[in-house]
Amino acid sequence: MPLMNPVPAFDFTVIMLSAKPLGDVSWTDVAGIAGGIGKALVFGSFAEVSGLNAEMEPEEYREGGNNTGPHKFMKWGRYPNLVFRRGVTPNADLWDWYYANLYKPKDPVRKNGLIVLTDRGTGITQATGGPELGLPLLNRLPVAAWMFRNGLPEKLQGPSLNAKTNELAIETLEIVHEGLYRLGPGMVPGVAGDIADVVGL
C-alpha cells in the first residue's frame, strides 16, 4: 500500500492566489490556478519550501500551595515565516508582488497558498494503466497538503552571484501569514469529532 508509507520530500507543487473571501471566488480565479500550474511548467516551480510549522504559545499559572509545578495553559497559535526558494528565471512575479505591497501599503495584495506533496509518480494514471499526462497534480496522487492564508512578502532576496562557481542562481522569498493548516478529513464539518473519537483525542 504505497499511500501508507512515507514519501520523499522532493515532489511538491506550490500554488499562490490572491486572498479573497470564498464567496468572491470567480472564474478568473479558477483561470489563475490554471495559469499558475502552466507557469510552473514553463519556468519551473519552487525548489525548496521551509517553515511548515505550527506552534502554540504557553502560559504558566503558579497556584499557591501547589509546589509540584505550575499549571500550563495555551494562549494562541503562532506561525513562523514560510520560506520559498527557487531558481532565477525570466519570471519576475515575486518581485512584482513585493513592489505592489511596497508602493501601496494601504491596499496590500495578500495571497493564500497551497503546498501539495505528491507520491513518487505512481498515481492514478499509472495505477489504472493510463498515459502519463506530464502535468503537476494530474499524474501523481497527492499525499499531504498545507494551506496558508493572508500571506504578505516580508523579505525577498536575490541570488549571490559568483563568477568562480557554476551553482544555480537561487532567489528566496519569506512570507508572513495568518495561519497554516494541513488539509485533511478533520477539517470537514461533522467529521472532526468522529476522528477524535477513533484516535482517542
N, C-alpha and C. Protein backbone atom coordinates (compact mmCIF):
# COMPACT_ATOMS: atom_id res chain seq x y z
N MET A 1 0.86 -1.19 0.00
CA MET A 1 0.00 0.00 0.00
C MET A 1 0.89 1.24 0.00
N PRO A 2 1.16 1.84 -1.17
CA PRO A 2 2.10 2.96 -1.23
C PRO A 2 1.67 4.16 -0.43
N LEU A 3 0.35 4.40 -0.27
CA LEU A 3 -0.11 5.59 0.43
C LEU A 3 0.11 5.49 1.94
N MET A 4 0.36 4.27 2.45
CA MET A 4 0.58 4.11 3.88
C MET A 4 2.04 4.32 4.25
N ASN A 5 2.90 4.41 3.26
CA ASN A 5 4.33 4.59 3.51
C ASN A 5 4.71 6.06 3.37
N PRO A 6 5.72 6.52 4.12
CA PRO A 6 6.20 7.90 3.94
C PRO A 6 6.72 8.11 2.52
N VAL A 7 6.59 9.32 2.03
CA VAL A 7 7.02 9.63 0.67
C VAL A 7 8.21 10.58 0.73
N PRO A 8 9.02 10.63 -0.33
CA PRO A 8 10.13 11.58 -0.37
C PRO A 8 9.64 13.02 -0.36
N ALA A 9 10.54 13.93 -0.01
CA ALA A 9 10.17 15.34 0.15
C ALA A 9 10.39 16.17 -1.11
N PHE A 10 10.80 15.54 -2.23
CA PHE A 10 11.21 16.34 -3.38
C PHE A 10 10.08 16.61 -4.37
N ASP A 11 8.97 15.90 -4.29
CA ASP A 11 7.92 16.02 -5.30
C ASP A 11 6.75 16.84 -4.74
N PHE A 12 6.77 18.14 -4.98
CA PHE A 12 5.72 19.01 -4.44
C PHE A 12 5.43 20.14 -5.41
N THR A 13 4.28 20.77 -5.22
CA THR A 13 3.85 21.88 -6.06
C THR A 13 3.34 23.00 -5.16
N VAL A 14 3.64 24.25 -5.52
CA VAL A 14 3.19 25.42 -4.77
C VAL A 14 2.27 26.25 -5.67
N ILE A 15 1.10 26.59 -5.15
CA ILE A 15 0.14 27.45 -5.88
C ILE A 15 -0.21 28.61 -4.97
N MET A 16 -0.12 29.86 -5.50
CA MET A 16 -0.49 31.05 -4.74
C MET A 16 -1.55 31.82 -5.51
N LEU A 17 -2.58 32.29 -4.79
CA LEU A 17 -3.67 33.06 -5.37
C LEU A 17 -3.96 34.27 -4.50
N SER A 18 -4.56 35.30 -5.10
CA SER A 18 -4.97 36.46 -4.32
C SER A 18 -5.97 36.03 -3.25
N ALA A 19 -5.79 36.57 -2.05
CA ALA A 19 -6.66 36.20 -0.94
C ALA A 19 -8.00 36.91 -1.08
N LYS A 20 -9.06 36.11 -1.18
CA LYS A 20 -10.41 36.65 -1.28
C LYS A 20 -11.34 35.80 -0.43
N PRO A 21 -12.45 36.39 0.04
CA PRO A 21 -13.46 35.56 0.71
C PRO A 21 -13.97 34.49 -0.24
N LEU A 22 -14.37 33.34 0.32
CA LEU A 22 -14.76 32.22 -0.51
C LEU A 22 -15.89 32.57 -1.46
N GLY A 23 -16.83 33.42 -1.03
CA GLY A 23 -17.95 33.79 -1.88
C GLY A 23 -17.57 34.68 -3.04
N ASP A 24 -16.39 35.28 -2.99
CA ASP A 24 -15.96 36.19 -4.06
C ASP A 24 -15.11 35.51 -5.12
N VAL A 25 -14.93 34.18 -5.02
CA VAL A 25 -14.12 33.47 -5.99
C VAL A 25 -14.85 33.43 -7.33
N SER A 26 -14.15 33.79 -8.41
CA SER A 26 -14.76 33.86 -9.73
C SER A 26 -14.03 32.94 -10.69
N TRP A 27 -14.52 32.91 -11.93
CA TRP A 27 -13.86 32.11 -12.97
C TRP A 27 -12.47 32.65 -13.26
N THR A 28 -12.27 33.93 -13.00
CA THR A 28 -10.93 34.50 -13.18
C THR A 28 -9.93 33.86 -12.22
N ASP A 29 -10.39 33.58 -10.99
CA ASP A 29 -9.52 32.93 -10.01
C ASP A 29 -9.23 31.48 -10.41
N VAL A 30 -10.23 30.80 -10.97
CA VAL A 30 -10.02 29.43 -11.45
C VAL A 30 -8.99 29.45 -12.58
N ALA A 31 -9.11 30.46 -13.46
CA ALA A 31 -8.12 30.59 -14.53
C ALA A 31 -6.74 30.89 -13.96
N GLY A 32 -6.70 31.61 -12.82
CA GLY A 32 -5.43 31.90 -12.17
C GLY A 32 -4.74 30.63 -11.68
N ILE A 33 -5.54 29.66 -11.21
CA ILE A 33 -4.96 28.39 -10.79
C ILE A 33 -4.32 27.69 -11.98
N ALA A 34 -5.06 27.63 -13.09
CA ALA A 34 -4.53 27.00 -14.30
C ALA A 34 -3.29 27.74 -14.79
N GLY A 35 -3.34 29.09 -14.70
CA GLY A 35 -2.17 29.86 -15.11
C GLY A 35 -0.96 29.60 -14.23
N GLY A 36 -1.20 29.43 -12.92
CA GLY A 36 -0.10 29.14 -12.01
C GLY A 36 0.55 27.80 -12.30
N ILE A 37 -0.28 26.80 -12.64
CA ILE A 37 0.26 25.49 -12.99
C ILE A 37 1.04 25.58 -14.30
N GLY A 38 0.47 26.31 -15.28
CA GLY A 38 1.16 26.48 -16.56
C GLY A 38 2.48 27.22 -16.40
N LYS A 39 2.50 28.23 -15.52
CA LYS A 39 3.73 28.98 -15.29
C LYS A 39 4.80 28.09 -14.66
N ALA A 40 4.35 27.19 -13.76
CA ALA A 40 5.30 26.26 -13.15
C ALA A 40 5.91 25.33 -14.19
N LEU A 41 5.10 24.96 -15.20
CA LEU A 41 5.62 24.09 -16.25
C LEU A 41 6.66 24.81 -17.10
N VAL A 42 6.42 26.10 -17.38
CA VAL A 42 7.32 26.85 -18.26
C VAL A 42 8.58 27.29 -17.52
N PHE A 43 8.41 27.87 -16.33
CA PHE A 43 9.53 28.47 -15.62
C PHE A 43 10.10 27.59 -14.50
N GLY A 44 9.39 26.52 -14.16
CA GLY A 44 9.81 25.71 -13.02
C GLY A 44 9.17 26.22 -11.74
N SER A 45 9.01 25.33 -10.78
CA SER A 45 8.39 25.71 -9.52
C SER A 45 9.46 25.92 -8.47
N PHE A 46 9.02 26.02 -7.22
CA PHE A 46 9.98 26.24 -6.13
C PHE A 46 10.81 24.99 -5.89
N ALA A 47 12.06 25.20 -5.58
CA ALA A 47 12.97 24.08 -5.32
C ALA A 47 12.98 23.68 -3.86
N GLU A 48 12.55 24.58 -2.97
CA GLU A 48 12.59 24.29 -1.54
C GLU A 48 11.54 25.12 -0.81
N VAL A 49 10.87 24.50 0.13
CA VAL A 49 9.91 25.18 1.00
C VAL A 49 10.23 24.79 2.43
N SER A 50 10.33 25.78 3.32
CA SER A 50 10.54 25.50 4.74
C SER A 50 9.65 26.43 5.56
N GLY A 51 9.50 26.09 6.83
CA GLY A 51 8.64 26.89 7.71
C GLY A 51 7.23 26.35 7.84
N LEU A 52 7.02 25.08 7.45
CA LEU A 52 5.69 24.49 7.61
C LEU A 52 5.51 24.08 9.07
N ASN A 53 5.49 25.08 9.93
CA ASN A 53 5.44 24.86 11.37
C ASN A 53 4.21 25.55 11.96
N ALA A 54 3.60 24.90 12.92
CA ALA A 54 2.51 25.50 13.70
C ALA A 54 2.86 25.33 15.18
N GLU A 55 2.81 26.44 15.92
CA GLU A 55 3.19 26.42 17.33
C GLU A 55 2.08 27.03 18.17
N MET A 56 2.10 26.73 19.47
CA MET A 56 1.20 27.38 20.41
C MET A 56 2.02 28.00 21.53
N GLU A 57 1.66 29.21 21.91
CA GLU A 57 2.39 29.90 22.97
C GLU A 57 1.78 29.54 24.32
N PRO A 58 2.57 28.95 25.21
CA PRO A 58 2.02 28.54 26.52
C PRO A 58 2.04 29.68 27.54
N GLU A 59 1.25 29.52 28.57
CA GLU A 59 1.22 30.45 29.69
C GLU A 59 1.23 29.65 30.98
N GLU A 60 1.99 30.12 31.97
CA GLU A 60 2.10 29.43 33.25
C GLU A 60 1.25 30.12 34.31
N TYR A 61 0.67 29.30 35.19
CA TYR A 61 -0.04 29.83 36.36
C TYR A 61 0.45 29.07 37.59
N ARG A 62 1.03 29.81 38.53
CA ARG A 62 1.58 29.19 39.74
C ARG A 62 0.54 29.28 40.86
N GLU A 63 -0.03 28.13 41.19
CA GLU A 63 -1.08 28.06 42.21
C GLU A 63 -0.45 28.01 43.60
N GLY A 64 -0.94 28.87 44.48
CA GLY A 64 -0.43 28.87 45.85
C GLY A 64 -0.69 27.55 46.56
N GLY A 65 0.33 27.02 47.22
CA GLY A 65 0.20 25.75 47.92
C GLY A 65 0.48 24.53 47.06
N ASN A 66 0.57 24.72 45.75
CA ASN A 66 0.90 23.62 44.84
C ASN A 66 2.35 23.79 44.39
N ASN A 67 3.26 23.11 45.11
CA ASN A 67 4.68 23.30 44.84
C ASN A 67 5.26 22.29 43.85
N THR A 68 4.41 21.41 43.32
CA THR A 68 4.93 20.39 42.41
C THR A 68 5.26 20.97 41.03
N GLY A 69 4.69 22.12 40.71
CA GLY A 69 4.97 22.74 39.41
C GLY A 69 3.81 23.60 38.97
N PRO A 70 4.04 24.51 38.04
CA PRO A 70 2.98 25.41 37.59
C PRO A 70 2.01 24.72 36.63
N HIS A 71 0.79 25.25 36.58
CA HIS A 71 -0.19 24.80 35.59
C HIS A 71 0.18 25.40 34.23
N LYS A 72 -0.10 24.67 33.17
CA LYS A 72 0.20 25.12 31.81
C LYS A 72 -1.10 25.33 31.05
N PHE A 73 -1.20 26.48 30.38
CA PHE A 73 -2.35 26.78 29.54
C PHE A 73 -1.85 27.29 28.18
N MET A 74 -2.67 27.13 27.17
CA MET A 74 -2.32 27.61 25.84
C MET A 74 -3.02 28.94 25.56
N LYS A 75 -2.26 29.91 25.04
CA LYS A 75 -2.81 31.25 24.80
C LYS A 75 -3.31 31.38 23.36
N TRP A 76 -2.40 31.25 22.38
CA TRP A 76 -2.83 31.39 20.98
C TRP A 76 -1.80 30.72 20.07
N GLY A 77 -2.22 30.53 18.82
CA GLY A 77 -1.33 29.92 17.84
C GLY A 77 -0.30 30.91 17.34
N ARG A 78 0.81 30.37 16.86
CA ARG A 78 1.89 31.20 16.33
C ARG A 78 2.47 30.49 15.12
N TYR A 79 2.71 31.26 14.06
CA TYR A 79 3.16 30.66 12.81
C TYR A 79 4.43 31.37 12.33
N PRO A 80 5.55 30.67 12.27
CA PRO A 80 6.78 31.28 11.75
C PRO A 80 6.63 31.59 10.26
N ASN A 81 7.58 32.36 9.74
CA ASN A 81 7.57 32.70 8.32
C ASN A 81 7.73 31.45 7.46
N LEU A 82 7.07 31.48 6.31
CA LEU A 82 7.31 30.48 5.29
C LEU A 82 8.44 30.96 4.39
N VAL A 83 9.35 30.07 4.02
CA VAL A 83 10.49 30.43 3.19
C VAL A 83 10.45 29.59 1.92
N PHE A 84 10.44 30.28 0.78
CA PHE A 84 10.40 29.62 -0.52
C PHE A 84 11.68 29.95 -1.28
N ARG A 85 12.28 28.94 -1.91
CA ARG A 85 13.48 29.15 -2.72
C ARG A 85 13.26 28.56 -4.10
N ARG A 86 13.71 29.30 -5.10
CA ARG A 86 13.59 28.80 -6.47
C ARG A 86 14.72 29.35 -7.33
N GLY A 87 14.96 28.69 -8.45
CA GLY A 87 15.96 29.15 -9.38
C GLY A 87 15.50 30.40 -10.12
N VAL A 88 16.45 31.28 -10.47
CA VAL A 88 16.14 32.52 -11.17
C VAL A 88 15.81 32.21 -12.63
N THR A 89 14.67 32.73 -13.10
CA THR A 89 14.22 32.61 -14.50
C THR A 89 13.71 33.98 -14.94
N PRO A 90 13.25 34.13 -16.18
CA PRO A 90 12.66 35.42 -16.58
C PRO A 90 11.38 35.78 -15.83
N ASN A 91 10.81 34.85 -15.09
CA ASN A 91 9.58 35.10 -14.34
C ASN A 91 9.88 36.00 -13.14
N ALA A 92 9.29 37.20 -13.11
CA ALA A 92 9.55 38.18 -12.04
C ALA A 92 8.32 38.40 -11.16
N ASP A 93 7.42 37.41 -11.06
CA ASP A 93 6.16 37.62 -10.34
C ASP A 93 6.36 37.88 -8.85
N LEU A 94 7.38 37.28 -8.22
CA LEU A 94 7.61 37.52 -6.79
C LEU A 94 8.03 38.96 -6.54
N TRP A 95 8.87 39.49 -7.41
CA TRP A 95 9.31 40.88 -7.28
C TRP A 95 8.15 41.84 -7.54
N ASP A 96 7.29 41.50 -8.50
CA ASP A 96 6.11 42.33 -8.77
C ASP A 96 5.20 42.37 -7.55
N TRP A 97 5.02 41.24 -6.90
CA TRP A 97 4.17 41.17 -5.71
C TRP A 97 4.78 41.99 -4.58
N TYR A 98 6.09 41.89 -4.40
CA TYR A 98 6.77 42.65 -3.36
C TYR A 98 6.59 44.16 -3.57
N TYR A 99 6.83 44.61 -4.79
CA TYR A 99 6.73 46.06 -5.05
C TYR A 99 5.29 46.55 -5.03
N ALA A 100 4.33 45.71 -5.37
CA ALA A 100 2.93 46.09 -5.27
C ALA A 100 2.57 46.42 -3.83
N ASN A 101 3.14 45.69 -2.87
CA ASN A 101 2.88 45.97 -1.45
C ASN A 101 3.76 47.09 -0.91
N LEU A 102 4.95 47.25 -1.47
CA LEU A 102 5.84 48.31 -1.00
C LEU A 102 5.28 49.69 -1.34
N TYR A 103 4.75 49.85 -2.55
CA TYR A 103 4.29 51.16 -3.00
C TYR A 103 2.83 51.44 -2.69
N LYS A 104 2.07 50.41 -2.28
CA LYS A 104 0.68 50.62 -1.89
C LYS A 104 0.40 49.90 -0.57
N PRO A 105 1.04 50.34 0.51
CA PRO A 105 0.88 49.62 1.80
C PRO A 105 -0.54 49.72 2.36
N LYS A 106 -1.33 50.74 1.94
CA LYS A 106 -2.68 50.87 2.45
C LYS A 106 -3.65 49.93 1.75
N ASP A 107 -3.24 49.36 0.65
CA ASP A 107 -4.07 48.41 -0.10
C ASP A 107 -3.24 47.17 -0.41
N PRO A 108 -2.90 46.38 0.64
CA PRO A 108 -1.96 45.27 0.44
C PRO A 108 -2.55 44.16 -0.44
N VAL A 109 -1.69 43.53 -1.19
CA VAL A 109 -2.07 42.39 -2.01
C VAL A 109 -1.68 41.13 -1.25
N ARG A 110 -2.65 40.54 -0.59
CA ARG A 110 -2.41 39.33 0.18
C ARG A 110 -2.63 38.09 -0.69
N LYS A 111 -1.97 37.02 -0.32
CA LYS A 111 -2.12 35.77 -1.08
C LYS A 111 -2.40 34.60 -0.14
N ASN A 112 -3.27 33.73 -0.60
CA ASN A 112 -3.42 32.42 0.00
C ASN A 112 -2.61 31.44 -0.82
N GLY A 113 -2.13 30.39 -0.18
CA GLY A 113 -1.30 29.44 -0.91
C GLY A 113 -1.57 28.01 -0.52
N LEU A 114 -1.18 27.12 -1.42
CA LEU A 114 -1.36 25.69 -1.22
C LEU A 114 -0.05 24.99 -1.58
N ILE A 115 0.47 24.20 -0.67
CA ILE A 115 1.66 23.38 -0.92
C ILE A 115 1.22 21.93 -0.90
N VAL A 116 1.36 21.25 -2.03
CA VAL A 116 0.87 19.88 -2.18
C VAL A 116 2.05 18.94 -2.36
N LEU A 117 2.18 17.97 -1.47
CA LEU A 117 3.21 16.94 -1.56
C LEU A 117 2.59 15.72 -2.22
N THR A 118 3.21 15.23 -3.29
CA THR A 118 2.66 14.10 -4.03
C THR A 118 3.55 12.87 -3.90
N ASP A 119 3.04 11.75 -4.39
CA ASP A 119 3.75 10.49 -4.26
C ASP A 119 4.89 10.40 -5.26
N ARG A 120 5.46 9.21 -5.42
CA ARG A 120 6.64 9.03 -6.25
C ARG A 120 6.34 9.00 -7.74
N GLY A 121 5.13 9.31 -8.14
CA GLY A 121 4.78 9.23 -9.55
C GLY A 121 4.00 7.99 -9.88
N THR A 122 3.57 7.24 -8.86
CA THR A 122 2.76 6.05 -9.08
C THR A 122 1.31 6.40 -8.75
N GLY A 123 0.82 7.44 -9.38
CA GLY A 123 -0.50 7.96 -9.07
C GLY A 123 -1.61 7.31 -9.87
N ILE A 124 -2.70 8.04 -10.06
CA ILE A 124 -3.91 7.47 -10.64
C ILE A 124 -3.66 6.95 -12.06
N THR A 125 -2.99 7.75 -12.88
CA THR A 125 -2.85 7.35 -14.28
C THR A 125 -2.01 6.10 -14.44
N GLN A 126 -0.96 5.96 -13.64
CA GLN A 126 -0.14 4.75 -13.72
C GLN A 126 -0.87 3.56 -13.12
N ALA A 127 -1.59 3.79 -12.02
CA ALA A 127 -2.29 2.69 -11.36
C ALA A 127 -3.37 2.09 -12.26
N THR A 128 -3.97 2.91 -13.11
CA THR A 128 -5.02 2.44 -14.00
C THR A 128 -4.49 2.07 -15.37
N GLY A 129 -3.18 2.17 -15.56
CA GLY A 129 -2.60 1.83 -16.85
C GLY A 129 -2.75 2.92 -17.89
N GLY A 130 -3.18 4.09 -17.46
CA GLY A 130 -3.39 5.19 -18.40
C GLY A 130 -2.09 5.89 -18.74
N PRO A 131 -2.12 6.83 -19.69
CA PRO A 131 -0.90 7.53 -20.09
C PRO A 131 -0.49 8.57 -19.07
N GLU A 132 0.80 8.83 -19.00
CA GLU A 132 1.29 9.92 -18.17
C GLU A 132 0.98 11.24 -18.85
N LEU A 133 0.35 12.16 -18.13
CA LEU A 133 -0.06 13.43 -18.72
C LEU A 133 1.04 14.47 -18.69
N GLY A 134 2.02 14.30 -17.80
CA GLY A 134 3.11 15.27 -17.72
C GLY A 134 2.71 16.58 -17.07
N LEU A 135 1.62 16.61 -16.34
CA LEU A 135 1.14 17.84 -15.68
C LEU A 135 1.17 17.64 -14.18
N PRO A 136 1.63 18.66 -13.43
CA PRO A 136 1.63 18.52 -11.96
C PRO A 136 0.24 18.34 -11.42
N LEU A 137 0.11 17.53 -10.39
CA LEU A 137 -1.13 17.24 -9.68
C LEU A 137 -2.11 16.39 -10.48
N LEU A 138 -1.80 16.04 -11.76
CA LEU A 138 -2.72 15.24 -12.55
C LEU A 138 -2.25 13.80 -12.70
N ASN A 139 -0.97 13.56 -12.72
CA ASN A 139 -0.49 12.18 -12.86
C ASN A 139 0.22 11.69 -11.60
N ARG A 140 0.08 12.42 -10.49
CA ARG A 140 0.64 11.98 -9.22
C ARG A 140 -0.42 12.19 -8.14
N LEU A 141 -0.49 11.25 -7.24
CA LEU A 141 -1.54 11.29 -6.23
C LEU A 141 -1.10 12.15 -5.05
N PRO A 142 -1.86 13.18 -4.67
CA PRO A 142 -1.50 14.00 -3.50
C PRO A 142 -1.51 13.17 -2.23
N VAL A 143 -0.49 13.36 -1.39
CA VAL A 143 -0.39 12.65 -0.12
C VAL A 143 -0.66 13.60 1.05
N ALA A 144 -0.19 14.83 0.95
CA ALA A 144 -0.40 15.82 2.01
C ALA A 144 -0.49 17.20 1.38
N ALA A 145 -1.24 18.09 2.03
CA ALA A 145 -1.39 19.45 1.53
C ALA A 145 -1.48 20.42 2.70
N TRP A 146 -0.76 21.53 2.58
CA TRP A 146 -0.79 22.59 3.59
C TRP A 146 -1.30 23.86 2.93
N MET A 147 -2.15 24.59 3.63
CA MET A 147 -2.70 25.84 3.12
C MET A 147 -2.32 26.97 4.08
N PHE A 148 -1.82 28.08 3.53
CA PHE A 148 -1.62 29.27 4.35
C PHE A 148 -2.53 30.37 3.84
N ARG A 149 -2.85 31.34 4.73
CA ARG A 149 -3.79 32.38 4.34
C ARG A 149 -3.25 33.76 4.66
N ASN A 150 -3.69 34.73 3.86
CA ASN A 150 -3.36 36.15 4.05
C ASN A 150 -1.86 36.40 4.11
N GLY A 151 -1.12 35.80 3.20
CA GLY A 151 0.32 35.97 3.18
C GLY A 151 0.76 37.30 2.59
N LEU A 152 1.85 37.84 3.13
CA LEU A 152 2.48 39.06 2.62
C LEU A 152 3.98 38.83 2.49
N PRO A 153 4.62 39.39 1.47
CA PRO A 153 6.07 39.20 1.32
C PRO A 153 6.85 40.09 2.28
N GLU A 154 7.51 39.48 3.25
CA GLU A 154 8.30 40.26 4.20
C GLU A 154 9.72 40.50 3.69
N LYS A 155 10.29 39.51 3.02
CA LYS A 155 11.68 39.62 2.60
C LYS A 155 11.87 38.89 1.28
N LEU A 156 12.56 39.52 0.35
CA LEU A 156 12.87 38.93 -0.94
C LEU A 156 14.36 39.09 -1.19
N GLN A 157 15.03 37.99 -1.38
CA GLN A 157 16.48 38.00 -1.51
C GLN A 157 16.89 37.44 -2.86
N GLY A 158 17.66 38.22 -3.60
CA GLY A 158 18.17 37.76 -4.88
C GLY A 158 19.33 36.80 -4.71
N PRO A 159 19.85 36.28 -5.81
CA PRO A 159 20.93 35.29 -5.73
C PRO A 159 22.26 35.92 -5.39
N SER A 160 23.15 35.11 -4.83
CA SER A 160 24.54 35.52 -4.65
C SER A 160 25.29 35.17 -5.93
N LEU A 161 25.83 36.17 -6.60
CA LEU A 161 26.48 35.95 -7.89
C LEU A 161 27.99 35.79 -7.69
N ASN A 162 28.54 34.78 -8.33
CA ASN A 162 29.95 34.48 -8.18
C ASN A 162 30.45 33.84 -9.48
N ALA A 163 31.35 34.51 -10.18
CA ALA A 163 31.86 34.01 -11.45
C ALA A 163 32.74 32.77 -11.29
N LYS A 164 33.12 32.43 -10.07
CA LYS A 164 34.02 31.29 -9.85
C LYS A 164 33.28 29.98 -9.65
N THR A 165 31.95 30.01 -9.60
CA THR A 165 31.19 28.78 -9.37
C THR A 165 30.21 28.55 -10.51
N ASN A 166 29.67 27.35 -10.58
CA ASN A 166 28.65 27.03 -11.57
C ASN A 166 27.34 26.62 -10.91
N GLU A 167 27.11 27.08 -9.67
CA GLU A 167 25.88 26.76 -8.96
C GLU A 167 24.71 27.55 -9.54
N LEU A 168 23.51 27.00 -9.34
CA LEU A 168 22.32 27.68 -9.82
C LEU A 168 22.09 28.98 -9.05
N ALA A 169 21.58 29.99 -9.75
CA ALA A 169 21.19 31.24 -9.10
C ALA A 169 19.84 31.03 -8.42
N ILE A 170 19.79 31.26 -7.11
CA ILE A 170 18.58 31.00 -6.31
C ILE A 170 18.08 32.30 -5.69
N GLU A 171 16.77 32.55 -5.79
CA GLU A 171 16.16 33.67 -5.09
C GLU A 171 15.26 33.13 -3.99
N THR A 172 15.14 33.90 -2.90
CA THR A 172 14.46 33.44 -1.69
C THR A 172 13.36 34.43 -1.31
N LEU A 173 12.19 33.92 -1.00
CA LEU A 173 11.05 34.72 -0.58
C LEU A 173 10.61 34.26 0.81
N GLU A 174 10.44 35.23 1.73
CA GLU A 174 9.89 34.95 3.06
C GLU A 174 8.51 35.58 3.16
N ILE A 175 7.55 34.79 3.59
CA ILE A 175 6.17 35.24 3.68
C ILE A 175 5.71 35.21 5.13
N VAL A 176 5.12 36.32 5.59
CA VAL A 176 4.39 36.31 6.86
C VAL A 176 2.93 35.97 6.53
N HIS A 177 2.28 35.26 7.43
CA HIS A 177 0.91 34.83 7.13
C HIS A 177 0.13 34.71 8.42
N GLU A 178 -1.17 34.42 8.29
CA GLU A 178 -2.07 34.43 9.44
C GLU A 178 -2.64 33.05 9.75
N GLY A 179 -1.98 32.02 9.30
CA GLY A 179 -2.45 30.68 9.64
C GLY A 179 -1.96 29.64 8.66
N LEU A 180 -1.60 28.48 9.18
CA LEU A 180 -1.15 27.36 8.36
C LEU A 180 -1.95 26.14 8.78
N TYR A 181 -2.51 25.45 7.79
CA TYR A 181 -3.37 24.31 8.07
C TYR A 181 -2.93 23.13 7.20
N ARG A 182 -2.83 21.97 7.81
CA ARG A 182 -2.67 20.77 6.99
C ARG A 182 -4.06 20.25 6.69
N LEU A 183 -4.38 20.19 5.41
CA LEU A 183 -5.71 19.79 4.99
C LEU A 183 -5.89 18.30 5.20
N GLY A 184 -7.06 17.90 5.67
CA GLY A 184 -7.35 16.50 5.91
C GLY A 184 -8.81 16.32 6.26
N PRO A 185 -9.24 15.07 6.51
CA PRO A 185 -10.65 14.81 6.82
C PRO A 185 -11.13 15.55 8.05
N GLY A 186 -10.22 15.83 9.00
CA GLY A 186 -10.62 16.51 10.23
C GLY A 186 -11.12 17.92 10.02
N MET A 187 -10.89 18.50 8.81
CA MET A 187 -11.36 19.86 8.54
C MET A 187 -12.78 19.87 7.96
N VAL A 188 -13.34 18.69 7.66
CA VAL A 188 -14.70 18.60 7.14
C VAL A 188 -15.68 18.71 8.30
N PRO A 189 -16.65 19.63 8.25
CA PRO A 189 -17.61 19.76 9.35
C PRO A 189 -18.31 18.44 9.64
N GLY A 190 -18.35 18.07 10.92
CA GLY A 190 -19.01 16.84 11.32
C GLY A 190 -18.11 15.62 11.33
N VAL A 191 -16.94 15.72 10.71
CA VAL A 191 -16.02 14.58 10.64
C VAL A 191 -14.98 14.65 11.74
N ALA A 192 -14.58 15.88 12.13
CA ALA A 192 -13.51 16.04 13.11
C ALA A 192 -13.81 15.32 14.41
N GLY A 193 -15.04 15.41 14.90
CA GLY A 193 -15.40 14.74 16.14
C GLY A 193 -15.31 13.24 16.05
N ASP A 194 -15.72 12.68 14.89
CA ASP A 194 -15.66 11.23 14.70
C ASP A 194 -14.22 10.75 14.69
N ILE A 195 -13.32 11.53 14.04
CA ILE A 195 -11.91 11.16 14.01
C ILE A 195 -11.33 11.21 15.42
N ALA A 196 -11.69 12.25 16.19
CA ALA A 196 -11.19 12.36 17.56
C ALA A 196 -11.63 11.17 18.40
N ASP A 197 -12.86 10.67 18.19
CA ASP A 197 -13.34 9.51 18.93
C ASP A 197 -12.54 8.26 18.57
N VAL A 198 -12.20 8.14 17.28
CA VAL A 198 -11.48 6.95 16.82
C VAL A 198 -10.08 6.91 17.38
N VAL A 199 -9.37 8.06 17.32
CA VAL A 199 -7.96 8.08 17.75
C VAL A 199 -7.82 8.37 19.24
N GLY A 200 -8.94 8.61 19.93
CA GLY A 200 -8.88 8.80 21.37
C GLY A 200 -8.46 10.17 21.81
N LEU A 201 -8.76 11.22 21.01
CA LEU A 201 -8.41 12.58 21.39
C LEU A 201 -9.48 13.17 22.28
